C-alpha atoms as a PDB file:
ATOM      1  CA  MET A   1     123.553 129.827 103.214  1.00  0.00           C
ATOM      2  CA  LYS A   2     125.900 129.392 105.824  1.00  0.00           C
ATOM      3  CA  GLN A   3     128.213 125.945 105.199  1.00  0.00           C
ATOM      4  CA  GLY A   4     127.931 124.794 108.497  1.00  0.00           C
ATOM      5  CA  LYS A   5     123.765 124.399 108.754  1.00  0.00           C
ATOM      6  CA  HIS A   6     124.007 121.709 105.264  1.00  0.00           C
ATOM      7  CA  PRO A   7     125.467 118.651 107.249  1.00  0.00           C
ATOM      8  CA  LEU A   8     122.958 119.215 110.469  1.00  0.00           C
ATOM      9  CA  MET A   9     120.067 119.544 107.979  1.00  0.00           C
ATOM     10  CA  LEU A  10     121.336 116.483 106.246  1.00  0.00           C
ATOM     11  CA  ILE A  11     121.618 114.413 109.109  1.00  0.00           C
ATOM     12  CA  PHE A  12     117.958 115.321 110.230  1.00  0.00           C
ATOM     13  CA  ALA A  13     116.698 114.114 106.729  1.00  0.00           C
ATOM     14  CA  ILE A  14     118.581 110.952 107.221  1.00  0.00           C
ATOM     15  CA  ILE A  15     117.496 110.517 110.599  1.00  0.00           C
ATOM     16  CA  GLY A  16     113.865 110.618 109.304  1.00  0.00           C
ATOM     17  CA  VAL A  17     114.121 108.998 106.110  1.00  0.00           C
ATOM     18  CA  CYS A  18     115.003 106.201 108.500  1.00  0.00           C
ATOM     19  CA  ALA A  19     112.554 106.516 110.864  1.00  0.00           C
ATOM     20  CA  VAL A  20     109.564 106.597 108.181  1.00  0.00           C
ATOM     21  CA  ALA A  21     111.302 103.062 106.831  1.00  0.00           C
ATOM     22  CA  TYR A  22     111.675 101.679 110.484  1.00  0.00           C
ATOM     23  CA  GLY A  23     107.647 103.099 111.191  1.00  0.00           C
ATOM     24  CA  ALA A  24     106.814 101.300 107.769  1.00  0.00           C
ATOM     25  CA  TRP A  25     108.471  98.022 108.326  1.00  0.00           C
ATOM     26  CA  LEU A  26     106.793  97.824 111.981  1.00  0.00           C
ATOM     27  CA  PHE A  27     103.826  98.108 110.462  1.00  0.00           C
ATOM     28  CA  TYR A  28     104.057  95.689 107.376  1.00  0.00           C
ATOM     29  CA  ARG A  29     105.148  93.112 110.379  1.00  0.00           C
ATOM     30  CA  ARG A  30     102.247  93.482 112.530  1.00  0.00           C
ATOM     31  CA  ALA A  31     100.007  93.082 109.229  1.00  0.00           C
ATOM     32  CA  VAL A  32     101.988  90.118 108.530  1.00  0.00           C
ATOM     33  CA  THR A  33     101.946  88.463 111.725  1.00  0.00           C
ATOM     34  CA  GLN A  34      97.829  88.929 112.147  1.00  0.00           C
ATOM     35  CA  GLU A  35      97.224  87.598 109.394  1.00  0.00           C
ATOM     36  CA  GLU A  36      99.876  84.503 110.160  1.00  0.00           C
ATOM     37  CA  SER A  37      98.113  84.601 113.406  1.00  0.00           C
ATOM     38  CA  ARG A  38      94.513  84.531 111.952  1.00  0.00           C
ATOM     39  CA  ALA A  39      95.572  81.636 109.325  1.00  0.00           C
ATOM     40  CA  ALA A  40      97.210  79.552 112.073  1.00  0.00           C
ATOM     41  CA  PHE A  41      93.685  79.263 114.367  1.00  0.00           C
ATOM     42  CA  THR A  42      91.336  79.483 110.834  1.00  0.00           C
ATOM     43  CA  ALA A  43      92.718  76.597 109.101  1.00  0.00           C
ATOM     44  CA  PRO A  44      91.119  72.860 109.252  1.00  0.00           C
ATOM     45  CA  ALA A  45      92.571  70.126 110.644  1.00  0.00           C
ATOM     46  CA  PRO A  46      95.511  68.014 108.521  1.00  0.00           C
ATOM     47  CA  SER A  47      93.850  65.377 108.167  1.00  0.00           C
ATOM     48  CA  GLY A  48      95.662  61.870 110.593  1.00  0.00           C
ATOM     49  CA  ILE A  49      95.545  64.118 113.613  1.00  0.00           C
ATOM     50  CA  PRO A  50      92.394  63.834 115.915  1.00  0.00           C
ATOM     51  CA  ASP A  51      90.262  66.977 115.968  1.00  0.00           C
ATOM     52  CA  ILE A  52      89.468  67.216 119.660  1.00  0.00           C
ATOM     53  CA  ILE A  53      87.681  70.088 118.978  1.00  0.00           C
ATOM     54  CA  HIS A  54      84.449  68.882 116.816  1.00  0.00           C
ATOM     55  CA  ALA A  55      85.668  65.414 118.232  1.00  0.00           C
ATOM     56  CA  THR A  56      82.355  63.030 118.956  1.00  0.00           C
ATOM     57  CA  PRO A  57      82.948  60.472 122.171  1.00  0.00           C
ATOM     58  CA  GLY A  58      83.067  57.227 121.190  1.00  0.00           C
ATOM     59  CA  ALA A  59      82.579  54.140 123.310  1.00  0.00           C
ATOM     60  CA  PRO A  60      83.004  53.495 126.580  1.00  0.00           C
ATOM     61  CA  PRO A  61      85.800  51.095 127.038  1.00  0.00           C
ATOM     62  CA  ILE A  62      85.045  47.648 128.495  1.00  0.00           C
ATOM     63  CA  GLN A  63      85.082  47.431 132.229  1.00  0.00           C
ATOM     64  CA  PRO A  64      86.019  44.319 133.546  1.00  0.00           C
ATOM     65  CA  HIS A  65      83.898  42.358 135.699  1.00  0.00           C
END
């Protein structure tokens, strides 16, 4: 084999490995982001913070005469 082809093949192999690693990283970040957003919307409201979605209306305020 010629010596000129080896560096080019090595460069292409490195680019391919980097592309696969980048694709795997993107896939992982998307999965983590989706899971975090799902968890944020399904978590119950912490105590002390009013739950405006499931709250029932209270008594009306007293009207001055």
